PDB file of N, CA and C in Angstrom:
ATOM      1  N   MET A   1     221.402 215.146 141.977  1.00  0.00           N
ATOM      2  CA  MET A   1     220.824 214.136 141.115  1.00  0.00           C
ATOM      3  C   MET A   1     220.854 212.811 141.874  1.00  0.00           C
ATOM      4  N   MET A   2     219.732 212.109 141.821  1.00  0.00           N
ATOM      5  CA  MET A   2     219.585 210.868 142.559  1.00  0.00           C
ATOM      6  C   MET A   2     219.276 209.745 141.571  1.00  0.00           C
ATOM      7  N   SER A   3     220.018 208.660 141.632  1.00  0.00           N
ATOM      8  CA  SER A   3     219.770 207.492 140.785  1.00  0.00           C
ATOM      9  C   SER A   3     219.004 206.451 141.586  1.00  0.00           C
ATOM     10  N   VAL A   4     217.933 205.944 141.005  1.00  0.00           N
ATOM     11  CA  VAL A   4     217.077 204.982 141.695  1.00  0.00           C
ATOM     12  C   VAL A   4     216.748 203.868 140.714  1.00  0.00           C
ATOM     13  N   ASN A   5     216.811 202.607 141.192  1.00  0.00           N
ATOM     14  CA  ASN A   5     216.421 201.519 140.282  1.00  0.00           C
ATOM     15  C   ASN A   5     214.900 201.429 140.213  1.00  0.00           C
ATOM     16  N   MET A   6     214.410 200.721 139.220  1.00  0.00           N
ATOM     17  CA  MET A   6     212.970 200.692 138.946  1.00  0.00           C
ATOM     18  C   MET A   6     212.152 200.123 140.106  1.00  0.00           C
ATOM     19  N   HIS A   7     212.653 199.090 140.740  1.00  0.00           N
ATOM     20  CA  HIS A   7     211.904 198.489 141.842  1.00  0.00           C
ATOM     21  C   HIS A   7     211.745 199.475 142.988  1.00  0.00           C
ATOM     22  N   ASP A   8     212.828 200.167 143.351  1.00  0.00           N
ATOM     23  CA  ASP A   8     212.733 201.170 144.420  1.00  0.00           C
ATOM     24  C   ASP A   8     211.832 202.325 144.012  1.00  0.00           C
ATOM     25  N   ALA A   9     211.875 202.694 142.755  1.00  0.00           N
ATOM     26  CA  ALA A   9     211.037 203.796 142.283  1.00  0.00           C
ATOM     27  C   ALA A   9     209.557 203.440 142.393  1.00  0.00           C
ATOM     28  N   LYS A  10     209.208 202.184 142.106  1.00  0.00           N
ATOM     29  CA  LYS A  10     207.812 201.774 142.219  1.00  0.00           C
ATOM     30  C   LYS A  10     207.340 201.827 143.667  1.00  0.00           C
ATOM     31  N   THR A  11     208.178 201.415 144.584  1.00  0.00           N
ATOM     32  CA  THR A  11     207.755 201.379 145.981  1.00  0.00           C
ATOM     33  C   THR A  11     207.812 202.750 146.643  1.00  0.00           C
ATOM     34  N   ARG A  12     208.653 203.658 146.150  1.00  0.00           N
ATOM     35  CA  ARG A  12     208.828 204.973 146.783  1.00  0.00           C
ATOM     36  C   ARG A  12     208.407 206.117 145.861  1.00  0.00           C
ATOM     37  N   LEU A  13     207.489 205.870 144.957  1.00  0.00           N
ATOM     38  CA  LEU A  13     207.148 206.876 143.949  1.00  0.00           C
ATOM     39  C   LEU A  13     206.679 208.186 144.566  1.00  0.00           C
ATOM     40  N   SER A  14     205.764 208.141 145.533  1.00  0.00           N
ATOM     41  CA  SER A  14     205.262 209.401 146.102  1.00  0.00           C
ATOM     42  C   SER A  14     206.369 210.164 146.819  1.00  0.00           C
ATOM     43  N   GLU A  15     207.275 209.472 147.453  1.00  0.00           N
ATOM     44  CA  GLU A  15     208.409 210.126 148.107  1.00  0.00           C
ATOM     45  C   GLU A  15     209.328 210.794 147.071  1.00  0.00           C
ATOM     46  N   LEU A  16     209.556 210.118 145.964  1.00  0.00           N
ATOM     47  CA  LEU A  16     210.409 210.681 144.917  1.00  0.00           C
ATOM     48  C   LEU A  16     209.760 211.901 144.260  1.00  0.00           C
ATOM     49  N   VAL A  17     208.466 211.825 144.018  1.00  0.00           N
ATOM     50  CA  VAL A  17     207.768 212.962 143.418  1.00  0.00           C
ATOM     51  C   VAL A  17     207.775 214.152 144.364  1.00  0.00           C
ATOM     52  N   LYS A  18     207.642 213.895 145.633  1.00  0.00           N
ATOM     53  CA  LYS A  18     207.705 214.979 146.629  1.00  0.00           C
ATOM     54  C   LYS A  18     209.080 215.649 146.615  1.00  0.00           C
ATOM     55  N   ALA A  19     210.144 214.856 146.479  1.00  0.00           N
ATOM     56  CA  ALA A  19     211.495 215.425 146.402  1.00  0.00           C
ATOM     57  C   ALA A  19     211.660 216.268 145.148  1.00  0.00           C
ATOM     58  N   VAL A  20     211.073 215.833 144.054  1.00  0.00           N
ATOM     59  CA  VAL A  20     211.141 216.614 142.811  1.00  0.00           C
ATOM     60  C   VAL A  20     210.387 217.927 142.981  1.00  0.00           C
ATOM     61  N   GLU A  21     209.201 217.873 143.586  1.00  0.00           N
ATOM     62  CA  GLU A  21     208.377 219.072 143.754  1.00  0.00           C
ATOM     63  C   GLU A  21     209.002 220.086 144.701  1.00  0.00           C
ATOM     64  N   GLU A  22     209.419 219.616 145.875  1.00  0.00           N
ATOM     65  CA  GLU A  22     209.829 220.536 146.929  1.00  0.00           C
ATOM     66  C   GLU A  22     211.303 220.931 146.860  1.00  0.00           C
ATOM     67  N   GLN A  23     212.172 220.024 146.425  1.00  0.00           N
ATOM     68  CA  GLN A  23     213.608 220.297 146.462  1.00  0.00           C
ATOM     69  C   GLN A  23     214.215 220.435 145.069  1.00  0.00           C
ATOM     70  N   ASN A  24     213.387 220.425 144.038  1.00  0.00           N
ATOM     71  CA  ASN A  24     213.863 220.478 142.651  1.00  0.00           C
ATOM     72  C   ASN A  24     214.913 219.403 142.373  1.00  0.00           C
ATOM     73  N   GLU A  25     214.736 218.250 142.968  1.00  0.00           N
ATOM     74  CA  GLU A  25     215.653 217.122 142.784  1.00  0.00           C
ATOM     75  C   GLU A  25     215.430 216.509 141.402  1.00  0.00           C
ATOM     76  N   VAL A  26     216.497 216.044 140.804  1.00  0.00           N
ATOM     77  CA  VAL A  26     216.417 215.328 139.539  1.00  0.00           C
ATOM     78  C   VAL A  26     216.598 213.850 139.851  1.00  0.00           C
ATOM     79  N   ILE A  27     215.627 213.029 139.455  1.00  0.00           N
ATOM     80  CA  ILE A  27     215.645 211.598 139.725  1.00  0.00           C
ATOM     81  C   ILE A  27     215.942 210.875 138.424  1.00  0.00           C
ATOM     82  N   VAL A  28     216.941 210.020 138.423  1.00  0.00           N
ATOM     83  CA  VAL A  28     217.283 209.214 137.254  1.00  0.00           C
ATOM     84  C   VAL A  28     216.857 207.787 137.550  1.00  0.00           C
ATOM     85  N   LEU A  29     215.978 207.237 136.713  1.00  0.00           N
ATOM     86  CA  LEU A  29     215.507 205.870 136.884  1.00  0.00           C
ATOM     87  C   LEU A  29     216.408 204.931 136.092  1.00  0.00           C
ATOM     88  N   CYS A  30     216.838 203.858 136.747  1.00  0.00           N
ATOM     89  CA  CYS A  30     217.764 202.916 136.124  1.00  0.00           C
ATOM     90  C   CYS A  30     217.142 201.533 136.055  1.00  0.00           C
ATOM     91  N   ARG A  31     217.472 200.810 135.010  1.00  0.00           N
ATOM     92  CA  ARG A  31     217.082 199.414 134.867  1.00  0.00           C
ATOM     93  C   ARG A  31     218.348 198.643 134.539  1.00  0.00           C
ATOM     94  N   ASP A  32     218.658 197.657 135.338  1.00  0.00           N
ATOM     95  CA  ASP A  32     219.878 196.856 135.179  1.00  0.00           C
ATOM     96  C   ASP A  32     221.126 197.725 135.156  1.00  0.00           C
ATOM     97  N   GLY A  33     221.107 198.792 135.974  1.00  0.00           N
ATOM     98  CA  GLY A  33     222.277 199.666 136.067  1.00  0.00           C
ATOM     99  C   GLY A  33     222.399 200.693 134.964  1.00  0.00           C
ATOM    100  N   ARG A  34     221.489 200.686 134.001  1.00  0.00           N
ATOM    101  CA  ARG A  34     221.537 201.665 132.897  1.00  0.00           C
ATOM    102  C   ARG A  34     220.433 202.705 133.090  1.00  0.00           C
ATOM    103  N   GLU A  35     220.764 203.960 132.815  1.00  0.00           N
ATOM    104  CA  GLU A  35     219.782 205.036 132.923  1.00  0.00           C
ATOM    105  C   GLU A  35     218.749 204.904 131.806  1.00  0.00           C
ATOM    106  N   VAL A  36     217.472 204.935 132.178  1.00  0.00           N
ATOM    107  CA  VAL A  36     216.420 204.801 131.169  1.00  0.00           C
ATOM    108  C   VAL A  36     215.458 205.980 131.158  1.00  0.00           C
ATOM    109  N   ALA A  37     215.349 206.710 132.259  1.00  0.00           N
ATOM    110  CA  ALA A  37     214.414 207.836 132.308  1.00  0.00           C
ATOM    111  C   ALA A  37     214.878 208.828 133.356  1.00  0.00           C
ATOM    112  N   GLU A  38     214.289 210.023 133.242  1.00  0.00           N
ATOM    113  CA  GLU A  38     214.664 211.080 134.174  1.00  0.00           C
ATOM    114  C   GLU A  38     213.399 211.822 134.584  1.00  0.00           C
ATOM    115  N   MET A  39     213.281 212.095 135.882  1.00  0.00           N
ATOM    116  CA  MET A  39     212.169 212.893 136.399  1.00  0.00           C
ATOM    117  C   MET A  39     212.732 214.204 136.897  1.00  0.00           C
ATOM    118  N   ARG A  40     212.158 215.296 136.442  1.00  0.00           N
ATOM    119  CA  ARG A  40     212.577 216.611 136.917  1.00  0.00           C
ATOM    120  C   ARG A  40     211.375 217.524 136.937  1.00  0.00           C
ATOM    121  N   ARG A  41     211.501 218.589 137.709  1.00  0.00           N
ATOM    122  CA  ARG A  41     210.415 219.560 137.800  1.00  0.00           C
ATOM    123  C   ARG A  41     210.323 220.334 136.490  1.00  0.00           C
ATOM    124  N   ARG A  42     209.137 220.561 136.068  1.00  0.00           N
ATOM    125  CA  ARG A  42     208.900 221.312 134.841  1.00  0.00           C
ATOM    126  C   ARG A  42     209.191 222.788 135.101  1.00  0.00           C
ATOM    127  N   THR A  43     209.984 223.394 134.229  1.00  0.00           N
ATOM    128  CA  THR A  43     210.375 224.780 134.467  1.00  0.00           C
ATOM    129  C   THR A  43     209.305 225.765 134.043  1.00  0.00           C
ATOM    130  N   LYS A  44     208.668 225.525 132.942  1.00  0.00           N
ATOM    131  CA  LYS A  44     207.591 226.411 132.526  1.00  0.00           C
ATOM    132  C   LYS A  44     206.479 225.584 131.914  1.00  0.00           C
ATOM    133  N   ARG A  45     205.295 226.093 132.042  1.00  0.00           N
ATOM    134  CA  ARG A  45     204.123 225.405 131.522  1.00  0.00           C
ATOM    135  C   ARG A  45     204.011 225.611 130.018  1.00  0.00           C
ATOM    136  N   ARG A  46     203.474 224.599 129.369  1.00  0.00           N
ATOM    137  CA  ARG A  46     203.171 224.746 127.948  1.00  0.00           C
ATOM    138  C   ARG A  46     201.970 225.673 127.795  1.00  0.00           C
ATOM    139  N   LEU A  47     201.940 226.419 126.735  1.00  0.00           N
ATOM    140  CA  LEU A  47     200.802 227.273 126.466  1.00  0.00           C
ATOM    141  C   LEU A  47     199.608 226.421 126.064  1.00  0.00           C
ATOM    142  N   VAL A  48     198.463 226.770 126.585  1.00  0.00           N
ATOM    143  CA  VAL A  48     197.238 226.072 126.224  1.00  0.00           C
ATOM    144  C   VAL A  48     196.760 226.676 124.913  1.00  0.00           C
ATOM    145  N   ARG A  49     196.543 225.830 123.945  1.00  0.00           N
ATOM    146  CA  ARG A  49     196.123 226.324 122.635  1.00  0.00           C
ATOM    147  C   ARG A  49     194.661 226.736 122.666  1.00  0.00           C
ATOM    148  N   ASP A  50     194.398 227.886 122.096  1.00  0.00           N
ATOM    149  CA  ASP A  50     193.025 228.359 121.972  1.00  0.00           C
ATOM    150  C   ASP A  50     192.451 227.752 120.699  1.00  0.00           C
ATOM    151  N   LEU A  51     191.567 226.812 120.842  1.00  0.00           N
ATOM    152  CA  LEU A  51     191.025 226.109 119.690  1.00  0.00           C
ATOM    153  C   LEU A  51     189.688 226.678 119.229  1.00  0.00           C
ATOM    154  N   ALA A  52     189.411 227.900 119.628  1.00  0.00           N
ATOM    155  CA  ALA A  52     188.183 228.529 119.160  1.00  0.00           C
ATOM    156  C   ALA A  52     188.343 228.877 117.684  1.00  0.00           C
ATOM    157  N   PRO A  53     187.282 228.756 116.917  1.00  0.00           N
ATOM    158  CA  PRO A  53     187.397 229.064 115.491  1.00  0.00           C
ATOM    159  C   PRO A  53     187.669 230.549 115.267  1.00  0.00           C
ATOM    160  N   TYR A  54     188.406 230.818 114.224  1.00  0.00           N
ATOM    161  CA  TYR A  54     188.718 232.191 113.866  1.00  0.00           C
ATOM    162  C   TYR A  54     187.430 232.844 113.369  1.00  0.00           C
ATOM    163  N   PRO A  55     187.029 233.986 113.935  1.00  0.00           N
ATOM    164  CA  PRO A  55     185.710 234.543 113.610  1.00  0.00           C
ATOM    165  C   PRO A  55     185.542 234.885 112.133  1.00  0.00           C
ATOM    166  N   ARG A  56     186.608 235.201 111.446  1.00  0.00           N
ATOM    167  CA  ARG A  56     186.505 235.563 110.040  1.00  0.00           C
ATOM    168  C   ARG A  56     186.024 234.381 109.186  1.00  0.00           C
ATOM    169  N   PHE A  57     186.357 233.177 109.617  1.00  0.00           N
ATOM    170  CA  PHE A  57     185.999 231.996 108.848  1.00  0.00           C
ATOM    171  C   PHE A  57     184.738 231.307 109.355  1.00  0.00           C
ATOM    172  N   ARG A  58     184.029 231.944 110.229  1.00  0.00           N
ATOM    173  CA  ARG A  58     182.809 231.356 110.766  1.00  0.00           C
ATOM    174  C   ARG A  58     181.757 231.274 109.660  1.00  0.00           C
ATOM    175  N   VAL A  59     181.089 230.175 109.576  1.00  0.00           N
ATOM    176  CA  VAL A  59     180.076 229.947 108.543  1.00  0.00           C
ATOM    177  C   VAL A  59     178.709 230.134 109.169  1.00  0.00           C
ATOM    178  N   LYS A  60     177.908 230.910 108.496  1.00  0.00           N
ATOM    179  CA  LYS A  60     176.545 231.110 108.963  1.00  0.00           C
ATOM    180  C   LYS A  60     175.644 230.220 108.117  1.00  0.00           C
ATOM    181  N   LEU A  61     174.975 229.298 108.745  1.00  0.00           N
ATOM    182  CA  LEU A  61     174.113 228.375 108.022  1.00  0.00           C
ATOM    183  C   LEU A  61     172.695 228.932 107.961  1.00  0.00           C
ATOM    184  N   VAL A  62     172.177 228.953 106.765  1.00  0.00           N
ATOM    185  CA  VAL A  62     170.806 229.398 106.559  1.00  0.00           C
ATOM    186  C   VAL A  62     170.023 228.187 106.072  1.00  0.00           C
ATOM    187  N   ARG A  63     168.961 227.891 106.743  1.00  0.00           N
ATOM    188  CA  ARG A  63     168.183 226.709 106.404  1.00  0.00           C
ATOM    189  C   ARG A  63     167.119 227.078 105.380  1.00  0.00           C
ATOM    190  N   ARG A  64     167.382 226.748 104.130  1.00  0.00           N
ATOM    191  CA  ARG A  64     166.428 227.041 103.075  1.00  0.00           C
ATOM    192  C   ARG A  64     165.839 225.765 102.475  1.00  0.00           C
ATOM    193  N   TYR A  65     166.536 224.678 102.648  1.00  0.00           N
ATOM    194  CA  TYR A  65     166.093 223.427 102.054  1.00  0.00           C
ATOM    195  C   TYR A  65     165.153 222.709 103.004  1.00  0.00           C
ATOM    196  N   ARG A  66     163.995 222.353 102.499  1.00  0.00           N
ATOM    197  CA  ARG A  66     163.059 221.560 103.285  1.00  0.00           C
ATOM    198  C   ARG A  66     162.868 220.242 102.553  1.00  0.00           C
ATOM    199  N   PRO A  67     163.239 219.127 103.125  1.00  0.00           N
ATOM    200  CA  PRO A  67     163.163 217.853 102.422  1.00  0.00           C
ATOM    201  C   PRO A  67     161.739 217.406 102.100  1.00  0.00           C
ATOM    202  N   ASP A  68     160.750 217.904 102.811  1.00  0.00           N
ATOM    203  CA  ASP A  68     159.377 217.478 102.551  1.00  0.00           C
ATOM    204  C   ASP A  68     158.679 218.348 101.500  1.00  0.00           C
ATOM    205  N   GLU A  69     159.332 219.414 101.054  1.00  0.00           N
ATOM    206  CA  GLU A  69     158.746 220.301 100.053  1.00  0.00           C
ATOM    207  C   GLU A  69     158.999 219.734  98.654  1.00  0.00           C
ATOM    208  N   PRO A  70     157.976 219.683  97.803  1.00  0.00           N
ATOM    209  CA  PRO A  70     158.190 219.139  96.452  1.00  0.00           C
ATOM    210  C   PRO A  70     159.067 220.078  95.607  1.00  0.00           C
ATOM    211  N   LEU A  71     159.781 219.508  94.658  1.00  0.00           N
ATOM    212  CA  LEU A  71     160.650 220.300  93.790  1.00  0.00           C
ATOM    213  C   LEU A  71     159.824 221.081  92.780  1.00  0.00           C
ATOM    214  N   ALA A  72     160.293 222.302  92.477  1.00  0.00           N
ATOM    215  CA  ALA A  72     159.659 223.098  91.425  1.00  0.00           C
ATOM    216  C   ALA A  72     160.074 222.516  90.074  1.00  0.00           C
ATOM    217  N   GLU A  73     159.362 222.893  89.029  1.00  0.00           N
ATOM    218  CA  GLU A  73     159.627 222.342  87.690  1.00  0.00           C
ATOM    219  C   GLU A  73     161.066 222.597  87.241  1.00  0.00           C
ATOM    220  N   GLU A  74     161.607 223.795  87.488  1.00  0.00           N
ATOM    221  CA  GLU A  74     162.970 224.119  87.042  1.00  0.00           C
ATOM    222  C   GLU A  74     164.059 223.422  87.880  1.00  0.00           C
ATOM    223  N   GLU A  75     163.698 222.861  89.029  1.00  0.00           N
ATOM    224  CA  GLU A  75     164.668 222.180  89.875  1.00  0.00           C
ATOM    225  C   GLU A  75     164.895 220.715  89.434  1.00  0.00           C
ATOM    226  N   TRP A  76     163.961 220.160  88.662  1.00  0.00           N
ATOM    227  CA  TRP A  76     164.116 218.781  88.213  1.00  0.00           C
ATOM    228  C   TRP A  76     165.184 218.699  87.122  1.00  0.00           C
ATOM    229  N   PRO A  77     165.943 217.617  87.058  1.00  0.00           N
ATOM    230  CA  PRO A  77     166.884 217.437  85.966  1.00  0.00           C
ATOM    231  C   PRO A  77     166.135 217.357  84.630  1.00  0.00           C
ATOM    232  N   LEU A  78     166.773 217.791  83.563  1.00  0.00           N
ATOM    233  CA  LEU A  78     166.116 217.861  82.263  1.00  0.00           C
ATOM    234  C   LEU A  78     165.585 216.510  81.794  1.00  0.00           C
ATOM    235  N   ASP A  79     166.306 215.444  82.029  1.00  0.00           N
ATOM    236  CA  ASP A  79     165.862 214.130  81.542  1.00  0.00           C
ATOM    237  C   ASP A  79     164.719 213.559  82.375  1.00  0.00           C
ATOM    238  N   LEU A  80     164.395 214.146  83.515  1.00  0.00           N
ATOM    239  CA  LEU A  80     163.300 213.649  84.345  1.00  0.00           C
ATOM    240  C   LEU A  80     162.071 214.548  84.325  1.00  0.00           C
ATOM    241  N   ARG A  81     162.077 215.624  83.570  1.00  0.00           N
ATOM    242  CA  ARG A  81     160.920 216.544  83.530  1.00  0.00           C
ATOM    243  C   ARG A  81     159.772 215.958  82.764  1.00  0.00           C
TER     244      ARG A  81
END
């Protein structure tokens, strides 16, 4: 485990990331002598969520309404007939 202050971490970031990648080093970032963050190699990847819709709930749209077609007599509201 390596402790590095924030200023050094900013100037040596690529070197620190390389140490994490290649040597599995754990880097502890400090500010004013106090530990504030930790960099370590990820042990396993998160699963990528499949956001495809569930086929059972798929909606099939049928286009029956035509806005330019006039309404039939039974489609008008009773008070407007």
